[in-house]
Amino acid sequence: MLKRLFDLLFSALVLFFFLPFGFVITLIILVTSKGGAFYTQERIGKNGKPFGLLKFRTMRQDSDKLGKLTVGMRDPRITKVGYFLRKYKLDEFPQFINVLKGEMSVVGPRPEVKEYTDLYTDEQREVLTVKPGITDYASIEYFDENRLLGESDNPKETYIKEIMPAKIQLNRKYFESPSLSKDLDIIRLTFLKMVKR
């Protein structure tokens, strides 16, 4: 109950202060590339329930038909504005709307697409027993995930065999003793990562 109250208050504040910047970002996206300003992708949430994850659109229209993974900043599907938004994680801000809707928490394991949750072992499926989040220990550790995938000869295999299992292990570390103070520390560390960019 306390976590949900925190999610609501924190998300409402972020969206309120981010609104002017969000409006500018929306206009820039609409002016510089064809398609809408927002992108919705089906992700798997708590108890395996799918939901539409919101982001600012950073890729050209219908780019997801060519694959779910983005391969570093050299991925030709990413727009010029998209490079900037992705670099500073600004494309993630619409997800605070997902939090207000109760589909996500501010802190929790990042939601995956069904293609990858279908590969989870029974042990790994523990991450689906809680609400997914905007940030977590794995998001901080793999802040440059796109760059790592861009350096791989086989990005999909690298993600499935190396990155995904490592991220799930970090999520399980969080489950051991979740607390509001831990959430605040994760938010602080995420903010510092963004500022250092």
N, C-alpha and C. Protein backbone atom coordinates (compact mmCIF):
# COMPACT_ATOMS: atom_id res chain seq x y z
N MET A 1 0.83 -1.21 0.00
CA MET A 1 0.00 0.00 0.00
C MET A 1 0.86 1.26 0.00
N LEU A 2 1.94 1.23 0.82
CA LEU A 2 2.85 2.38 0.88
C LEU A 2 3.56 2.56 -0.46
N LYS A 3 3.96 1.44 -1.07
CA LYS A 3 4.66 1.52 -2.37
C LYS A 3 3.74 2.12 -3.43
N ARG A 4 2.47 1.72 -3.43
CA ARG A 4 1.53 2.25 -4.41
C ARG A 4 1.30 3.74 -4.20
N LEU A 5 1.20 4.17 -2.95
CA LEU A 5 1.02 5.58 -2.65
C LEU A 5 2.22 6.38 -3.12
N PHE A 6 3.42 5.85 -2.86
CA PHE A 6 4.64 6.50 -3.32
C PHE A 6 4.67 6.59 -4.84
N ASP A 7 4.31 5.49 -5.51
CA ASP A 7 4.27 5.47 -6.98
C ASP A 7 3.37 6.57 -7.52
N LEU A 8 2.19 6.71 -6.94
CA LEU A 8 1.22 7.70 -7.40
C LEU A 8 1.74 9.13 -7.21
N LEU A 9 2.24 9.41 -6.02
CA LEU A 9 2.71 10.77 -5.70
C LEU A 9 3.94 11.13 -6.53
N PHE A 10 4.90 10.22 -6.59
CA PHE A 10 6.14 10.49 -7.32
C PHE A 10 5.87 10.67 -8.81
N SER A 11 5.05 9.80 -9.38
CA SER A 11 4.75 9.87 -10.81
C SER A 11 3.99 11.15 -11.16
N ALA A 12 3.05 11.52 -10.32
CA ALA A 12 2.28 12.74 -10.55
C ALA A 12 3.19 13.96 -10.53
N LEU A 13 4.14 13.99 -9.61
CA LEU A 13 5.07 15.12 -9.52
C LEU A 13 5.98 15.17 -10.74
N VAL A 14 6.52 14.01 -11.13
CA VAL A 14 7.41 13.96 -12.30
C VAL A 14 6.69 14.43 -13.55
N LEU A 15 5.48 13.93 -13.76
CA LEU A 15 4.72 14.30 -14.96
C LEU A 15 4.35 15.78 -14.95
N PHE A 16 4.06 16.33 -13.78
CA PHE A 16 3.71 17.75 -13.67
C PHE A 16 4.88 18.64 -14.07
N PHE A 17 6.07 18.32 -13.52
CA PHE A 17 7.25 19.15 -13.81
C PHE A 17 7.83 18.88 -15.19
N PHE A 18 7.60 17.65 -15.71
CA PHE A 18 8.14 17.29 -17.02
C PHE A 18 7.23 17.75 -18.17
N LEU A 19 6.00 18.12 -17.85
CA LEU A 19 5.01 18.45 -18.88
C LEU A 19 5.49 19.44 -19.94
N PRO A 20 6.10 20.59 -19.56
CA PRO A 20 6.57 21.52 -20.59
C PRO A 20 7.61 20.91 -21.53
N PHE A 21 8.53 20.13 -20.95
CA PHE A 21 9.56 19.47 -21.76
C PHE A 21 8.92 18.39 -22.65
N GLY A 22 7.94 17.69 -22.10
CA GLY A 22 7.24 16.66 -22.86
C GLY A 22 6.52 17.25 -24.06
N PHE A 23 5.96 18.42 -23.88
CA PHE A 23 5.27 19.10 -24.98
C PHE A 23 6.25 19.46 -26.10
N VAL A 24 7.41 19.97 -25.71
CA VAL A 24 8.44 20.34 -26.69
C VAL A 24 8.95 19.10 -27.42
N ILE A 25 9.22 18.03 -26.67
CA ILE A 25 9.69 16.78 -27.28
C ILE A 25 8.67 16.24 -28.27
N THR A 26 7.39 16.30 -27.89
CA THR A 26 6.32 15.84 -28.77
C THR A 26 6.32 16.59 -30.09
N LEU A 27 6.43 17.90 -30.02
CA LEU A 27 6.44 18.72 -31.23
C LEU A 27 7.65 18.40 -32.11
N ILE A 28 8.81 18.27 -31.49
CA ILE A 28 10.04 17.99 -32.26
C ILE A 28 9.92 16.65 -32.98
N ILE A 29 9.40 15.63 -32.29
CA ILE A 29 9.24 14.31 -32.91
C ILE A 29 8.29 14.39 -34.11
N LEU A 30 7.18 15.09 -33.93
CA LEU A 30 6.18 15.19 -34.99
C LEU A 30 6.71 15.95 -36.21
N VAL A 31 7.54 16.96 -35.96
CA VAL A 31 8.06 17.79 -37.05
C VAL A 31 9.19 17.10 -37.81
N THR A 32 9.98 16.30 -37.11
CA THR A 32 11.20 15.75 -37.72
C THR A 32 11.06 14.36 -38.34
N SER A 33 9.97 13.65 -38.06
CA SER A 33 9.81 12.32 -38.66
C SER A 33 8.34 11.94 -38.75
N LYS A 34 8.04 11.08 -39.71
CA LYS A 34 6.66 10.65 -39.91
C LYS A 34 6.23 9.70 -38.80
N GLY A 35 4.95 9.84 -38.40
CA GLY A 35 4.43 8.98 -37.35
C GLY A 35 4.04 9.78 -36.13
N GLY A 36 3.42 9.14 -35.17
CA GLY A 36 3.01 9.81 -33.95
C GLY A 36 4.17 10.09 -33.03
N ALA A 37 3.90 10.83 -31.96
CA ALA A 37 4.95 11.17 -31.00
C ALA A 37 5.20 10.04 -30.01
N PHE A 38 4.20 9.19 -29.84
CA PHE A 38 4.32 8.12 -28.84
C PHE A 38 4.34 6.75 -29.51
N TYR A 39 4.92 5.82 -28.78
CA TYR A 39 5.03 4.45 -29.26
C TYR A 39 4.57 3.53 -28.13
N THR A 40 3.69 2.60 -28.45
CA THR A 40 3.22 1.63 -27.46
C THR A 40 3.66 0.23 -27.88
N GLN A 41 4.30 -0.45 -26.97
CA GLN A 41 4.75 -1.82 -27.25
C GLN A 41 4.21 -2.76 -26.18
N GLU A 42 3.72 -3.90 -26.61
CA GLU A 42 3.21 -4.87 -25.64
C GLU A 42 4.37 -5.46 -24.83
N ARG A 43 4.25 -5.36 -23.53
CA ARG A 43 5.21 -5.97 -22.61
C ARG A 43 4.45 -6.86 -21.64
N ILE A 44 5.18 -7.71 -20.94
CA ILE A 44 4.57 -8.63 -20.00
C ILE A 44 4.71 -8.09 -18.58
N GLY A 45 3.58 -7.94 -17.90
CA GLY A 45 3.58 -7.37 -16.56
C GLY A 45 3.40 -8.41 -15.47
N LYS A 46 2.89 -7.96 -14.35
CA LYS A 46 2.71 -8.83 -13.18
C LYS A 46 1.81 -10.01 -13.52
N ASN A 47 2.24 -11.19 -13.05
CA ASN A 47 1.50 -12.44 -13.28
C ASN A 47 1.34 -12.78 -14.76
N GLY A 48 2.26 -12.26 -15.58
CA GLY A 48 2.25 -12.60 -17.00
C GLY A 48 1.20 -11.87 -17.81
N LYS A 49 0.59 -10.84 -17.22
CA LYS A 49 -0.45 -10.09 -17.92
C LYS A 49 0.18 -9.06 -18.86
N PRO A 50 -0.17 -9.08 -20.14
CA PRO A 50 0.39 -8.09 -21.08
C PRO A 50 -0.22 -6.71 -20.90
N PHE A 51 0.57 -5.68 -21.20
CA PHE A 51 0.08 -4.30 -21.16
C PHE A 51 0.85 -3.49 -22.18
N GLY A 52 0.35 -2.30 -22.50
CA GLY A 52 1.00 -1.44 -23.48
C GLY A 52 1.95 -0.46 -22.82
N LEU A 53 3.25 -0.67 -22.98
CA LEU A 53 4.27 0.21 -22.41
C LEU A 53 4.43 1.44 -23.30
N LEU A 54 4.38 2.62 -22.67
CA LEU A 54 4.45 3.88 -23.41
C LEU A 54 5.87 4.43 -23.47
N LYS A 55 6.21 4.96 -24.63
CA LYS A 55 7.49 5.65 -24.81
C LYS A 55 7.31 6.77 -25.83
N PHE A 56 8.22 7.73 -25.79
CA PHE A 56 8.30 8.64 -26.92
C PHE A 56 8.88 7.84 -28.08
N ARG A 57 8.34 8.05 -29.27
CA ARG A 57 8.82 7.31 -30.43
C ARG A 57 10.23 7.78 -30.81
N THR A 58 11.15 6.83 -30.89
CA THR A 58 12.55 7.15 -31.24
C THR A 58 12.99 6.47 -32.53
N MET A 59 12.11 5.68 -33.11
CA MET A 59 12.46 4.95 -34.32
C MET A 59 11.49 5.30 -35.44
N ARG A 60 11.89 4.97 -36.65
CA ARG A 60 11.00 5.20 -37.79
C ARG A 60 9.80 4.26 -37.72
N GLN A 61 8.73 4.63 -38.37
CA GLN A 61 7.51 3.84 -38.34
C GLN A 61 7.73 2.39 -38.73
N ASP A 62 7.06 1.48 -38.00
CA ASP A 62 7.07 0.04 -38.29
C ASP A 62 8.45 -0.60 -38.13
N SER A 63 9.35 0.07 -37.41
CA SER A 63 10.70 -0.47 -37.23
C SER A 63 10.69 -1.75 -36.40
N ASP A 64 9.71 -1.90 -35.50
CA ASP A 64 9.68 -3.08 -34.64
C ASP A 64 9.43 -4.37 -35.42
N LYS A 65 8.96 -4.24 -36.66
CA LYS A 65 8.74 -5.43 -37.49
C LYS A 65 10.08 -6.06 -37.90
N LEU A 66 11.16 -5.29 -37.76
CA LEU A 66 12.50 -5.79 -38.13
C LEU A 66 13.25 -6.35 -36.92
N GLY A 67 12.56 -6.44 -35.77
CA GLY A 67 13.20 -6.98 -34.57
C GLY A 67 12.93 -6.12 -33.36
N LYS A 68 12.90 -6.77 -32.18
CA LYS A 68 12.57 -6.06 -30.93
C LYS A 68 13.79 -5.38 -30.31
N LEU A 69 14.99 -5.95 -30.54
CA LEU A 69 16.20 -5.38 -29.94
C LEU A 69 16.71 -4.22 -30.79
N THR A 70 17.20 -3.19 -30.09
CA THR A 70 17.90 -2.11 -30.80
C THR A 70 19.39 -2.33 -30.62
N VAL A 71 20.10 -2.31 -31.72
CA VAL A 71 21.51 -2.69 -31.70
C VAL A 71 22.39 -1.45 -31.60
N GLY A 72 22.58 -0.98 -30.39
CA GLY A 72 23.45 0.16 -30.17
C GLY A 72 22.92 1.42 -30.81
N MET A 73 23.71 2.48 -30.75
CA MET A 73 23.31 3.75 -31.33
C MET A 73 23.57 3.79 -32.84
N ARG A 74 24.08 2.68 -33.40
CA ARG A 74 24.30 2.65 -34.84
C ARG A 74 23.09 2.05 -35.56
N ASP A 75 22.07 1.67 -34.81
CA ASP A 75 20.88 1.07 -35.41
C ASP A 75 20.25 2.09 -36.36
N PRO A 76 20.20 1.80 -37.65
CA PRO A 76 19.70 2.77 -38.64
C PRO A 76 18.21 3.09 -38.50
N ARG A 77 17.49 2.31 -37.69
CA ARG A 77 16.06 2.56 -37.51
C ARG A 77 15.79 3.75 -36.57
N ILE A 78 16.79 4.13 -35.80
CA ILE A 78 16.63 5.21 -34.82
C ILE A 78 16.71 6.56 -35.54
N THR A 79 15.78 7.46 -35.22
CA THR A 79 15.79 8.80 -35.82
C THR A 79 16.87 9.65 -35.16
N LYS A 80 17.17 10.79 -35.77
CA LYS A 80 18.18 11.69 -35.19
C LYS A 80 17.75 12.18 -33.81
N VAL A 81 16.48 12.55 -33.68
CA VAL A 81 15.96 12.97 -32.37
C VAL A 81 15.97 11.79 -31.41
N GLY A 82 15.67 10.61 -31.96
CA GLY A 82 15.66 9.40 -31.14
C GLY A 82 16.99 9.09 -30.48
N TYR A 83 18.09 9.34 -31.20
CA TYR A 83 19.42 9.14 -30.62
C TYR A 83 19.57 9.94 -29.33
N PHE A 84 19.17 11.20 -29.40
CA PHE A 84 19.29 12.09 -28.24
C PHE A 84 18.38 11.61 -27.10
N LEU A 85 17.13 11.30 -27.41
CA LEU A 85 16.18 10.87 -26.38
C LEU A 85 16.65 9.59 -25.70
N ARG A 86 17.17 8.66 -26.49
CA ARG A 86 17.64 7.40 -25.93
C ARG A 86 18.89 7.58 -25.08
N LYS A 87 19.77 8.43 -25.53
CA LYS A 87 21.02 8.64 -24.80
C LYS A 87 20.76 9.11 -23.38
N TYR A 88 19.79 10.01 -23.21
CA TYR A 88 19.49 10.55 -21.89
C TYR A 88 18.26 9.92 -21.25
N LYS A 89 17.78 8.80 -21.85
CA LYS A 89 16.63 8.06 -21.33
C LYS A 89 15.35 8.89 -21.27
N LEU A 90 15.26 9.95 -22.04
CA LEU A 90 14.08 10.81 -22.02
C LEU A 90 12.87 10.12 -22.68
N ASP A 91 13.14 9.12 -23.51
CA ASP A 91 12.03 8.41 -24.16
C ASP A 91 11.21 7.59 -23.16
N GLU A 92 11.77 7.36 -21.96
CA GLU A 92 11.10 6.53 -20.96
C GLU A 92 10.06 7.29 -20.14
N PHE A 93 10.07 8.62 -20.16
CA PHE A 93 9.22 9.39 -19.25
C PHE A 93 7.72 9.10 -19.37
N PRO A 94 7.17 8.82 -20.56
CA PRO A 94 5.74 8.51 -20.63
C PRO A 94 5.33 7.30 -19.78
N GLN A 95 6.30 6.49 -19.37
CA GLN A 95 5.97 5.31 -18.57
C GLN A 95 5.44 5.68 -17.18
N PHE A 96 5.63 6.92 -16.76
CA PHE A 96 5.03 7.34 -15.50
C PHE A 96 3.50 7.32 -15.62
N ILE A 97 2.99 7.40 -16.84
CA ILE A 97 1.55 7.23 -17.06
C ILE A 97 1.16 5.78 -16.79
N ASN A 98 2.02 4.84 -17.22
CA ASN A 98 1.79 3.42 -16.91
C ASN A 98 1.74 3.19 -15.40
N VAL A 99 2.57 3.94 -14.67
CA VAL A 99 2.58 3.82 -13.21
C VAL A 99 1.26 4.32 -12.63
N LEU A 100 0.79 5.46 -13.10
CA LEU A 100 -0.48 6.00 -12.61
C LEU A 100 -1.63 5.04 -12.90
N LYS A 101 -1.55 4.33 -14.01
CA LYS A 101 -2.61 3.38 -14.39
C LYS A 101 -2.53 2.09 -13.58
N GLY A 102 -1.45 1.92 -12.81
CA GLY A 102 -1.30 0.73 -12.00
C GLY A 102 -0.66 -0.45 -12.71
N GLU A 103 -0.15 -0.23 -13.92
CA GLU A 103 0.47 -1.30 -14.69
C GLU A 103 1.93 -1.49 -14.33
N MET A 104 2.55 -0.43 -13.78
CA MET A 104 3.97 -0.47 -13.42
C MET A 104 4.18 0.22 -12.09
N SER A 105 5.37 0.03 -11.53
CA SER A 105 5.84 0.78 -10.37
C SER A 105 7.00 1.66 -10.82
N VAL A 106 7.38 2.61 -10.01
CA VAL A 106 8.56 3.42 -10.34
C VAL A 106 9.80 2.52 -10.31
N VAL A 107 9.89 1.69 -9.27
CA VAL A 107 11.03 0.77 -9.13
C VAL A 107 10.54 -0.67 -9.21
N GLY A 108 11.16 -1.43 -10.07
CA GLY A 108 10.79 -2.83 -10.25
C GLY A 108 11.50 -3.36 -11.47
N PRO A 109 11.46 -4.67 -11.70
CA PRO A 109 12.15 -5.25 -12.86
C PRO A 109 11.59 -4.71 -14.17
N ARG A 110 12.47 -4.37 -15.09
CA ARG A 110 12.03 -3.85 -16.38
C ARG A 110 11.19 -4.90 -17.11
N PRO A 111 10.05 -4.50 -17.66
CA PRO A 111 9.19 -5.47 -18.34
C PRO A 111 9.77 -5.90 -19.69
N GLU A 112 9.63 -7.18 -19.98
CA GLU A 112 10.15 -7.74 -21.23
C GLU A 112 9.00 -7.96 -22.22
N VAL A 113 9.37 -8.20 -23.47
CA VAL A 113 8.39 -8.61 -24.47
C VAL A 113 8.17 -10.12 -24.32
N LYS A 114 7.06 -10.62 -24.81
CA LYS A 114 6.69 -12.03 -24.64
C LYS A 114 7.72 -12.96 -25.25
N GLU A 115 8.35 -12.52 -26.33
CA GLU A 115 9.36 -13.33 -26.99
C GLU A 115 10.44 -13.79 -26.03
N TYR A 116 10.76 -12.94 -25.04
CA TYR A 116 11.83 -13.27 -24.09
C TYR A 116 11.30 -13.87 -22.80
N THR A 117 10.13 -13.45 -22.34
CA THR A 117 9.58 -14.07 -21.12
C THR A 117 9.23 -15.53 -21.38
N ASP A 118 8.93 -15.88 -22.63
CA ASP A 118 8.65 -17.28 -22.97
C ASP A 118 9.89 -18.16 -22.78
N LEU A 119 11.06 -17.54 -22.72
CA LEU A 119 12.31 -18.29 -22.55
C LEU A 119 12.70 -18.43 -21.08
N TYR A 120 11.98 -17.77 -20.17
CA TYR A 120 12.31 -17.82 -18.75
C TYR A 120 12.20 -19.25 -18.20
N THR A 121 13.12 -19.58 -17.31
CA THR A 121 12.99 -20.82 -16.54
C THR A 121 11.96 -20.57 -15.44
N ASP A 122 11.53 -21.62 -14.75
CA ASP A 122 10.58 -21.46 -13.65
C ASP A 122 11.13 -20.51 -12.59
N GLU A 123 12.43 -20.63 -12.34
CA GLU A 123 13.07 -19.77 -11.34
C GLU A 123 13.07 -18.31 -11.79
N GLN A 124 13.35 -18.08 -13.06
CA GLN A 124 13.40 -16.72 -13.59
C GLN A 124 12.02 -16.06 -13.62
N ARG A 125 10.97 -16.88 -13.71
CA ARG A 125 9.61 -16.34 -13.78
C ARG A 125 9.18 -15.68 -12.47
N GLU A 126 10.02 -15.77 -11.45
CA GLU A 126 9.74 -15.07 -10.18
C GLU A 126 9.62 -13.57 -10.40
N VAL A 127 10.33 -13.04 -11.40
CA VAL A 127 10.28 -11.60 -11.64
C VAL A 127 8.89 -11.16 -12.11
N LEU A 128 8.08 -12.11 -12.54
CA LEU A 128 6.73 -11.78 -13.00
C LEU A 128 5.71 -11.79 -11.87
N THR A 129 6.17 -12.02 -10.64
CA THR A 129 5.24 -12.03 -9.50
C THR A 129 5.07 -10.63 -8.91
N VAL A 130 5.82 -9.66 -9.43
CA VAL A 130 5.71 -8.27 -8.96
C VAL A 130 5.48 -7.35 -10.16
N LYS A 131 5.03 -6.13 -9.88
CA LYS A 131 4.85 -5.17 -10.96
C LYS A 131 6.20 -4.80 -11.57
N PRO A 132 6.26 -4.68 -12.88
CA PRO A 132 7.49 -4.20 -13.51
C PRO A 132 7.69 -2.73 -13.19
N GLY A 133 8.91 -2.24 -13.39
CA GLY A 133 9.21 -0.86 -13.03
C GLY A 133 9.90 -0.08 -14.14
N ILE A 134 10.04 1.21 -13.88
CA ILE A 134 10.74 2.09 -14.82
C ILE A 134 12.25 1.92 -14.66
N THR A 135 12.68 1.69 -13.43
CA THR A 135 14.11 1.51 -13.18
C THR A 135 14.32 0.47 -12.09
N ASP A 136 15.53 -0.08 -12.05
CA ASP A 136 15.91 -1.08 -11.06
C ASP A 136 17.43 -1.21 -11.06
N TYR A 137 17.94 -2.12 -10.26
CA TYR A 137 19.39 -2.32 -10.23
C TYR A 137 19.92 -2.71 -11.62
N ALA A 138 19.16 -3.53 -12.34
CA ALA A 138 19.60 -3.97 -13.66
C ALA A 138 19.67 -2.81 -14.65
N SER A 139 18.73 -1.87 -14.55
CA SER A 139 18.73 -0.70 -15.43
C SER A 139 19.97 0.15 -15.20
N ILE A 140 20.40 0.22 -13.95
CA ILE A 140 21.58 1.00 -13.61
C ILE A 140 22.84 0.30 -14.10
N GLU A 141 22.91 -1.01 -13.83
CA GLU A 141 24.09 -1.80 -14.22
C GLU A 141 24.24 -1.86 -15.74
N TYR A 142 23.10 -1.95 -16.43
CA TYR A 142 23.13 -2.06 -17.90
C TYR A 142 22.58 -0.79 -18.55
N PHE A 143 23.00 0.34 -18.03
CA PHE A 143 22.59 1.63 -18.56
C PHE A 143 23.00 1.78 -20.03
N ASP A 144 24.11 1.15 -20.40
CA ASP A 144 24.62 1.20 -21.77
C ASP A 144 24.37 -0.11 -22.50
N GLU A 145 23.25 -0.73 -22.23
CA GLU A 145 22.92 -2.03 -22.83
C GLU A 145 22.95 -1.98 -24.36
N ASN A 146 22.40 -0.92 -24.94
CA ASN A 146 22.39 -0.81 -26.40
C ASN A 146 23.78 -0.80 -27.00
N ARG A 147 24.72 -0.15 -26.29
CA ARG A 147 26.10 -0.12 -26.77
C ARG A 147 26.70 -1.53 -26.73
N LEU A 148 26.44 -2.27 -25.64
CA LEU A 148 26.96 -3.63 -25.50
C LEU A 148 26.42 -4.53 -26.61
N LEU A 149 25.14 -4.38 -26.93
CA LEU A 149 24.55 -5.17 -28.00
C LEU A 149 25.12 -4.78 -29.36
N GLY A 150 25.41 -3.49 -29.51
CA GLY A 150 25.98 -2.99 -30.76
C GLY A 150 27.37 -3.53 -31.02
N GLU A 151 28.07 -3.92 -29.96
CA GLU A 151 29.43 -4.43 -30.09
C GLU A 151 29.46 -5.95 -30.30
N SER A 152 28.28 -6.56 -30.18
CA SER A 152 28.20 -8.02 -30.30
C SER A 152 28.02 -8.45 -31.76
N ASP A 153 28.61 -9.61 -32.11
CA ASP A 153 28.43 -10.18 -33.45
C ASP A 153 27.04 -10.79 -33.60
N ASN A 154 26.45 -11.18 -32.45
CA ASN A 154 25.10 -11.76 -32.45
C ASN A 154 24.33 -11.16 -31.28
N PRO A 155 23.77 -9.96 -31.47
CA PRO A 155 23.11 -9.24 -30.37
C PRO A 155 22.01 -10.03 -29.67
N LYS A 156 21.18 -10.72 -30.43
CA LYS A 156 20.07 -11.47 -29.83
C LYS A 156 20.59 -12.58 -28.93
N GLU A 157 21.59 -13.31 -29.38
CA GLU A 157 22.18 -14.38 -28.58
C GLU A 157 22.86 -13.81 -27.33
N THR A 158 23.56 -12.70 -27.50
CA THR A 158 24.21 -12.05 -26.35
C THR A 158 23.18 -11.64 -25.31
N TYR A 159 22.06 -11.10 -25.77
CA TYR A 159 21.01 -10.68 -24.84
C TYR A 159 20.41 -11.87 -24.10
N ILE A 160 20.06 -12.90 -24.83
CA ILE A 160 19.38 -14.06 -24.23
C ILE A 160 20.30 -14.84 -23.29
N LYS A 161 21.55 -15.03 -23.70
CA LYS A 161 22.46 -15.89 -22.93
C LYS A 161 23.25 -15.17 -21.85
N GLU A 162 23.47 -13.87 -22.03
CA GLU A 162 24.32 -13.15 -21.08
C GLU A 162 23.58 -12.04 -20.32
N ILE A 163 23.02 -11.10 -21.06
CA ILE A 163 22.44 -9.92 -20.42
C ILE A 163 21.15 -10.24 -19.66
N MET A 164 20.23 -10.93 -20.29
CA MET A 164 18.94 -11.22 -19.66
C MET A 164 19.09 -11.99 -18.35
N PRO A 165 19.87 -13.08 -18.29
CA PRO A 165 20.03 -13.81 -17.02
C PRO A 165 20.69 -12.94 -15.94
N ALA A 166 21.66 -12.12 -16.34
CA ALA A 166 22.34 -11.25 -15.37
C ALA A 166 21.37 -10.22 -14.79
N LYS A 167 20.51 -9.67 -15.63
CA LYS A 167 19.52 -8.69 -15.17
C LYS A 167 18.52 -9.33 -14.21
N ILE A 168 18.12 -10.55 -14.50
CA ILE A 168 17.17 -11.24 -13.62
C ILE A 168 17.80 -11.51 -12.26
N GLN A 169 19.08 -11.84 -12.25
CA GLN A 169 19.78 -12.06 -10.98
C GLN A 169 19.80 -10.78 -10.13
N LEU A 170 20.00 -9.65 -10.78
CA LEU A 170 19.99 -8.37 -10.08
C LEU A 170 18.59 -8.07 -9.54
N ASN A 171 17.56 -8.44 -10.29
CA ASN A 171 16.19 -8.24 -9.83
C ASN A 171 15.90 -9.08 -8.59
N ARG A 172 16.42 -10.28 -8.57
CA ARG A 172 16.19 -11.16 -7.42
C ARG A 172 16.87 -10.61 -6.17
N LYS A 173 17.97 -9.91 -6.37
CA LYS A 173 18.65 -9.25 -5.25
C LYS A 173 17.71 -8.22 -4.61
N TYR A 174 16.97 -7.51 -5.45
CA TYR A 174 16.02 -6.52 -4.95
C TYR A 174 14.88 -7.18 -4.18
N PHE A 175 14.41 -8.34 -4.67
CA PHE A 175 13.28 -9.03 -4.03
C PHE A 175 13.61 -9.50 -2.61
N GLU A 176 14.90 -9.73 -2.34
CA GLU A 176 15.30 -10.26 -1.04
C GLU A 176 14.86 -9.36 0.10
N SER A 177 14.91 -8.05 -0.10
CA SER A 177 14.51 -7.13 0.97
C SER A 177 14.04 -5.80 0.38
N PRO A 178 12.89 -5.81 -0.29
CA PRO A 178 12.38 -4.56 -0.87
C PRO A 178 11.97 -3.58 0.22
N SER A 179 12.22 -2.30 -0.03
CA SER A 179 11.85 -1.27 0.95
C SER A 179 11.78 0.08 0.24
N LEU A 180 11.11 1.03 0.87
CA LEU A 180 11.01 2.36 0.30
C LEU A 180 12.38 3.03 0.23
N SER A 181 13.20 2.80 1.25
CA SER A 181 14.54 3.40 1.26
C SER A 181 15.38 2.85 0.11
N LYS A 182 15.21 1.57 -0.19
CA LYS A 182 15.94 0.96 -1.31
C LYS A 182 15.44 1.55 -2.63
N ASP A 183 14.12 1.75 -2.73
CA ASP A 183 13.56 2.37 -3.94
C ASP A 183 14.13 3.77 -4.15
N LEU A 184 14.19 4.54 -3.08
CA LEU A 184 14.72 5.90 -3.17
C LEU A 184 16.18 5.89 -3.60
N ASP A 185 16.94 4.91 -3.11
CA ASP A 185 18.35 4.82 -3.48
C ASP A 185 18.50 4.46 -4.95
N ILE A 186 17.65 3.57 -5.45
CA ILE A 186 17.69 3.19 -6.87
C ILE A 186 17.33 4.39 -7.74
N ILE A 187 16.34 5.16 -7.32
CA ILE A 187 15.95 6.38 -8.06
C ILE A 187 17.12 7.37 -8.08
N ARG A 188 17.78 7.53 -6.94
CA ARG A 188 18.93 8.44 -6.84
C ARG A 188 20.05 8.00 -7.78
N LEU A 189 20.37 6.72 -7.78
CA LEU A 189 21.45 6.21 -8.62
C LEU A 189 21.10 6.34 -10.11
N THR A 190 19.83 6.13 -10.43
CA THR A 190 19.39 6.28 -11.82
C THR A 190 19.53 7.73 -12.27
N PHE A 191 19.12 8.65 -11.41
CA PHE A 191 19.23 10.07 -11.72
C PHE A 191 20.68 10.47 -11.94
N LEU A 192 21.59 9.97 -11.11
CA LEU A 192 23.00 10.28 -11.24
C LEU A 192 23.55 9.75 -12.57
N LYS A 193 23.10 8.56 -12.97
CA LYS A 193 23.52 7.99 -14.26
C LYS A 193 23.10 8.90 -15.41
N MET A 194 21.86 9.39 -15.32
CA MET A 194 21.35 10.25 -16.38
C MET A 194 22.11 11.58 -16.44
N VAL A 195 22.38 12.14 -15.29
CA VAL A 195 23.09 13.43 -15.21
C VAL A 195 24.51 13.30 -15.74
N LYS A 196 25.16 12.17 -15.46
CA LYS A 196 26.54 11.97 -15.91
C LYS A 196 26.64 11.88 -17.43
N ARG A 197 25.51 11.59 -18.10
CA ARG A 197 25.51 11.56 -19.55
C ARG A 197 25.75 12.95 -20.11
